[in-house]
Amino acid sequence: MKNQIPPHQKHQEDRLRFQVERMILFTDAVFAIAITLLILEIKVPNLDYVGLTSAKIKDAIFAFPAIFTWVGFIISFWVIALYWIDHHRTFKYVDDYDGKLVFLNLLFLMSIGIMPFTSALYSKYIGFDFPTQLYCYNVAFTGFVKLWIWYYIANPKNKICHMPIESISKKYHTYRSWIAPLVFVLTAIFASYTIWSRFFFVLIFIIQVVLGFYFQKKYGLKDRFK
């Protein structure tokens, strides 16, 4: 049949798809390990059984400063989760790969791998500027590398995406990718001026929701959750 794909071509396409899937699976594994490592920083309190009460156990887990360990875990869990979602959305456009894409992805994963350490430092010394700034710059660097990956994939000259990306989707994903790194850079900058900067991360969720509804209402974008 004329439309039948030659065996060697089908083999090449299958091999290419397998190599791209390997990169994605490796990425998912690093994300899973990084998120798992976050909870390991929350230790079960070692308390003396003599005179022990439920109130003392609760205080040991949730009282100051232990409560900030939970705060750091929750923030970092959702930060890593958001980057995983963004990576998932970005790589749905990947049809091919090259050495530069592999390198950028590894650079991105290196930053994700550092995050459990900077997160633990941040949550343990949340009242100090340097741990907060180190964590924020770690998260921001991750976001900027992720943005670099997106620009590289979306550029048709690189031939990573064989199908043209719809202009509205490209604009939406570009704007969305800028949000997290910019918010964390602002957090790092203002960390020396106000402790309330530690909660700037909430802006990420607010801005993303507003941006999504804006693009949905103005441009009819329907794939913002995919």
Protein backbone atom coordinates (compact mmCIF):
# COMPACT_ATOMS: atom_id res chain seq x y z
CA MET A 1 0.00 0.00 0.00
CA LYS A 2 1.19 3.51 -0.85
CA ASN A 3 0.49 4.95 2.60
CA GLN A 4 2.23 2.18 4.45
CA ILE A 5 5.19 3.41 6.55
CA PRO A 6 8.47 1.66 5.68
CA PRO A 7 9.72 -0.61 8.51
CA HIS A 8 12.98 1.30 8.96
CA GLN A 9 11.12 4.63 9.23
CA LYS A 10 8.68 3.21 11.76
CA HIS A 11 11.62 1.81 13.74
CA GLN A 12 13.26 5.26 13.80
CA GLU A 13 10.03 6.93 14.92
CA ASP A 14 9.51 4.35 17.67
CA ARG A 15 13.10 4.74 18.83
CA LEU A 16 12.78 8.54 18.88
CA ARG A 17 9.52 8.31 20.87
CA PHE A 18 11.19 5.91 23.30
CA GLN A 19 14.15 8.28 23.84
CA VAL A 20 11.82 11.22 24.55
CA GLU A 21 9.80 9.06 26.95
CA ARG A 22 13.00 8.05 28.74
CA MET A 23 13.81 11.70 29.36
CA ILE A 24 10.30 12.34 30.68
CA LEU A 25 10.32 9.24 32.90
CA PHE A 26 13.71 10.19 34.33
CA THR A 27 12.38 13.67 35.02
CA ASP A 28 9.32 12.26 36.79
CA ALA A 29 11.56 10.08 38.95
CA VAL A 30 13.66 13.07 40.06
CA PHE A 31 10.52 15.02 40.91
CA ALA A 32 9.13 12.10 42.91
CA ILE A 33 12.37 11.72 44.88
CA ALA A 34 12.62 15.48 45.55
CA ILE A 35 9.06 15.64 46.89
CA THR A 36 9.64 12.54 49.02
CA LEU A 37 12.80 14.01 50.52
CA LEU A 38 10.82 17.03 51.74
CA ILE A 39 8.84 14.99 54.28
CA LEU A 40 12.02 13.37 55.63
CA GLU A 41 12.94 16.75 57.13
CA ILE A 42 9.92 16.48 59.44
CA LYS A 43 11.15 14.31 62.29
CA VAL A 44 9.03 12.36 64.74
CA PRO A 45 9.70 14.04 68.11
CA ASN A 46 11.70 11.97 70.60
CA LEU A 47 9.83 12.57 73.88
CA ASP A 48 10.20 11.13 77.34
CA TYR A 49 7.28 8.83 78.21
CA VAL A 50 7.35 9.97 81.82
CA GLY A 51 4.59 12.53 82.19
CA LEU A 52 3.86 12.44 78.47
CA THR A 53 0.47 13.72 77.34
CA SER A 54 -1.27 14.24 74.00
CA ALA A 55 -0.92 17.99 74.49
CA LYS A 56 2.86 17.68 74.78
CA ILE A 57 3.00 15.56 71.62
CA LYS A 58 0.89 18.12 69.77
CA ASP A 59 3.10 20.96 70.99
CA ALA A 60 6.23 19.12 69.91
CA ILE A 61 4.84 18.76 66.39
CA PHE A 62 2.99 22.04 65.83
CA ALA A 63 4.41 24.54 68.33
CA PHE A 64 7.02 27.17 67.44
CA PRO A 65 9.51 26.61 65.81
CA ALA A 66 8.48 23.11 64.66
CA ILE A 67 5.44 24.50 62.86
CA PHE A 68 7.70 26.23 60.35
CA THR A 69 8.98 22.84 59.22
CA TRP A 70 5.44 22.06 58.13
CA VAL A 71 5.13 25.47 56.50
CA GLY A 72 8.34 24.86 54.55
CA PHE A 73 7.13 21.40 53.50
CA ILE A 74 3.77 22.69 52.24
CA ILE A 75 5.32 25.59 50.31
CA SER A 76 8.04 23.45 48.75
CA PHE A 77 5.67 20.59 47.92
CA TRP A 78 3.43 22.88 45.89
CA VAL A 79 6.34 24.72 44.32
CA ILE A 80 7.83 21.44 43.08
CA ALA A 81 4.37 20.23 42.07
CA LEU A 82 3.78 23.39 40.03
CA TYR A 83 7.10 22.93 38.25
CA TRP A 84 6.20 19.32 37.51
CA ILE A 85 2.87 20.46 36.05
CA ASP A 86 4.63 23.11 33.95
CA HIS A 87 7.17 20.54 32.75
CA HIS A 88 4.32 18.20 31.84
CA ARG A 89 2.57 20.97 29.88
CA THR A 90 5.78 21.95 28.11
CA PHE A 91 6.85 18.46 27.08
CA LYS A 92 3.52 17.66 25.50
CA TYR A 93 4.85 19.69 22.56
CA VAL A 94 8.10 17.72 22.30
CA ASP A 95 8.35 15.54 19.19
CA ASP A 96 12.13 15.41 18.94
CA TYR A 97 15.18 16.11 21.09
CA ASP A 98 18.81 17.09 20.85
CA GLY A 99 21.80 17.46 23.13
CA LYS A 100 20.89 20.98 24.18
CA LEU A 101 17.40 19.97 25.29
CA VAL A 102 18.86 17.10 27.31
CA PHE A 103 21.36 19.47 28.93
CA LEU A 104 18.70 22.06 29.78
CA ASN A 105 16.48 19.38 31.25
CA LEU A 106 19.34 18.09 33.41
CA LEU A 107 20.13 21.65 34.55
CA PHE A 108 16.48 22.03 35.48
CA LEU A 109 16.52 18.74 37.41
CA MET A 110 19.73 19.69 39.21
CA SER A 111 17.96 22.75 40.58
CA ILE A 112 14.96 20.64 41.59
CA GLY A 113 17.32 18.21 43.34
CA ILE A 114 18.83 21.03 45.42
CA MET A 115 15.41 22.23 46.55
CA PRO A 116 14.90 19.79 49.47
CA PHE A 117 18.10 21.16 51.08
CA THR A 118 17.32 24.84 50.55
CA SER A 119 13.74 24.20 51.65
CA ALA A 120 14.90 22.55 54.91
CA LEU A 121 17.32 25.43 55.56
CA TYR A 122 14.58 27.96 54.86
CA SER A 123 11.99 26.31 57.12
CA LYS A 124 14.44 25.81 60.00
CA TYR A 125 15.74 29.39 59.92
CA ILE A 126 12.72 31.15 58.45
CA GLY A 127 13.33 34.29 60.47
CA PHE A 128 16.73 34.90 58.87
CA ASP A 129 17.35 36.59 55.54
CA PHE A 130 20.03 34.39 53.97
CA PRO A 131 18.20 31.02 54.16
CA THR A 132 15.09 32.66 52.71
CA GLN A 133 17.05 34.30 49.91
CA LEU A 134 18.96 31.11 49.10
CA TYR A 135 15.73 29.14 48.83
CA CYS A 136 14.04 31.85 46.75
CA TYR A 137 16.95 32.13 44.33
CA ASN A 138 16.98 28.33 44.02
CA VAL A 139 13.29 28.34 43.09
CA ALA A 140 13.73 31.34 40.79
CA PHE A 141 16.70 29.72 39.02
CA THR A 142 14.58 26.61 38.46
CA GLY A 143 11.88 28.77 36.93
CA PHE A 144 14.25 30.62 34.63
CA VAL A 145 15.75 27.35 33.37
CA LYS A 146 12.23 26.03 32.82
CA LEU A 147 11.49 29.21 30.86
CA TRP A 148 14.64 28.64 28.79
CA ILE A 149 13.42 25.12 28.01
CA TRP A 150 10.05 26.46 26.93
CA TYR A 151 11.58 29.09 24.61
CA TYR A 152 13.87 26.42 23.14
CA ILE A 153 11.00 23.99 22.48
CA ALA A 154 8.65 26.67 21.15
CA ASN A 155 11.24 28.03 18.69
CA PRO A 156 10.49 26.33 15.34
CA LYS A 157 14.14 26.75 14.27
CA ASN A 158 15.17 24.10 16.81
CA LYS A 159 12.78 21.51 15.28
CA ILE A 160 11.88 20.08 18.68
CA CYS A 161 8.16 20.58 18.10
CA HIS A 162 7.10 19.41 14.64
CA MET A 163 3.60 20.87 14.83
CA PRO A 164 3.19 24.66 15.04
CA ILE A 165 2.13 25.83 18.50
CA GLU A 166 -0.98 27.99 18.53
CA SER A 167 0.03 31.61 19.18
CA ILE A 168 -2.43 32.09 22.05
CA SER A 169 -1.24 28.91 23.79
CA LYS A 170 2.37 30.00 23.30
CA LYS A 171 1.65 33.42 24.80
CA TYR A 172 -0.26 31.93 27.74
CA HIS A 173 2.42 29.37 28.60
CA THR A 174 5.14 32.02 28.26
CA TYR A 175 3.40 34.44 30.61
CA ARG A 176 2.61 31.65 33.04
CA SER A 177 6.21 30.48 33.12
CA TRP A 178 7.42 33.93 34.16
CA ILE A 179 5.21 34.13 37.27
CA ALA A 180 6.97 31.83 39.77
CA PRO A 181 10.57 32.95 39.18
CA LEU A 182 9.65 36.64 39.32
CA VAL A 183 7.63 36.23 42.53
CA PHE A 184 10.50 34.41 44.24
CA VAL A 185 13.04 36.98 43.07
CA LEU A 186 10.83 39.66 44.64
CA THR A 187 10.63 37.58 47.81
CA ALA A 188 14.42 37.35 47.98
CA ILE A 189 14.82 41.08 47.39
CA PHE A 190 12.28 42.09 50.04
CA ALA A 191 13.41 39.44 52.56
CA SER A 192 15.75 41.96 54.17
CA TYR A 193 12.98 44.54 54.57
CA THR A 194 9.92 42.63 55.80
CA ILE A 195 9.20 39.16 57.13
CA TRP A 196 5.87 39.28 55.28
CA SER A 197 7.80 38.70 52.07
CA ARG A 198 7.95 35.03 53.14
CA PHE A 199 4.30 34.79 52.12
CA PHE A 200 4.65 36.37 48.67
CA PHE A 201 4.48 32.87 47.18
CA VAL A 202 0.69 33.03 47.54
CA LEU A 203 0.77 35.54 44.67
CA ILE A 204 1.79 32.71 42.32
CA PHE A 205 -1.53 30.92 42.71
CA ILE A 206 -3.55 34.13 42.54
CA ILE A 207 -1.82 35.46 39.42
CA GLN A 208 -2.00 32.08 37.66
CA VAL A 209 -5.75 31.79 38.30
CA VAL A 210 -6.37 35.37 37.13
CA LEU A 211 -4.17 34.87 34.05
CA GLY A 212 -5.95 31.63 33.17
CA PHE A 213 -9.43 33.13 33.39
CA TYR A 214 -8.27 36.20 31.45
CA PHE A 215 -6.99 34.11 28.54
CA GLN A 216 -10.06 31.91 28.68
CA LYS A 217 -12.45 34.87 28.56
CA LYS A 218 -10.57 37.05 26.04
CA TYR A 219 -9.10 34.43 23.72
CA GLY A 220 -11.27 31.38 24.39
CA LEU A 221 -8.28 29.34 25.55
CA LYS A 222 -9.52 25.91 26.58
CA ASP A 223 -6.32 23.93 27.19
CA ARG A 224 -4.97 25.91 30.13
CA PHE A 225 -5.39 22.93 32.47
CA LYS A 226 -3.81 20.41 30.10
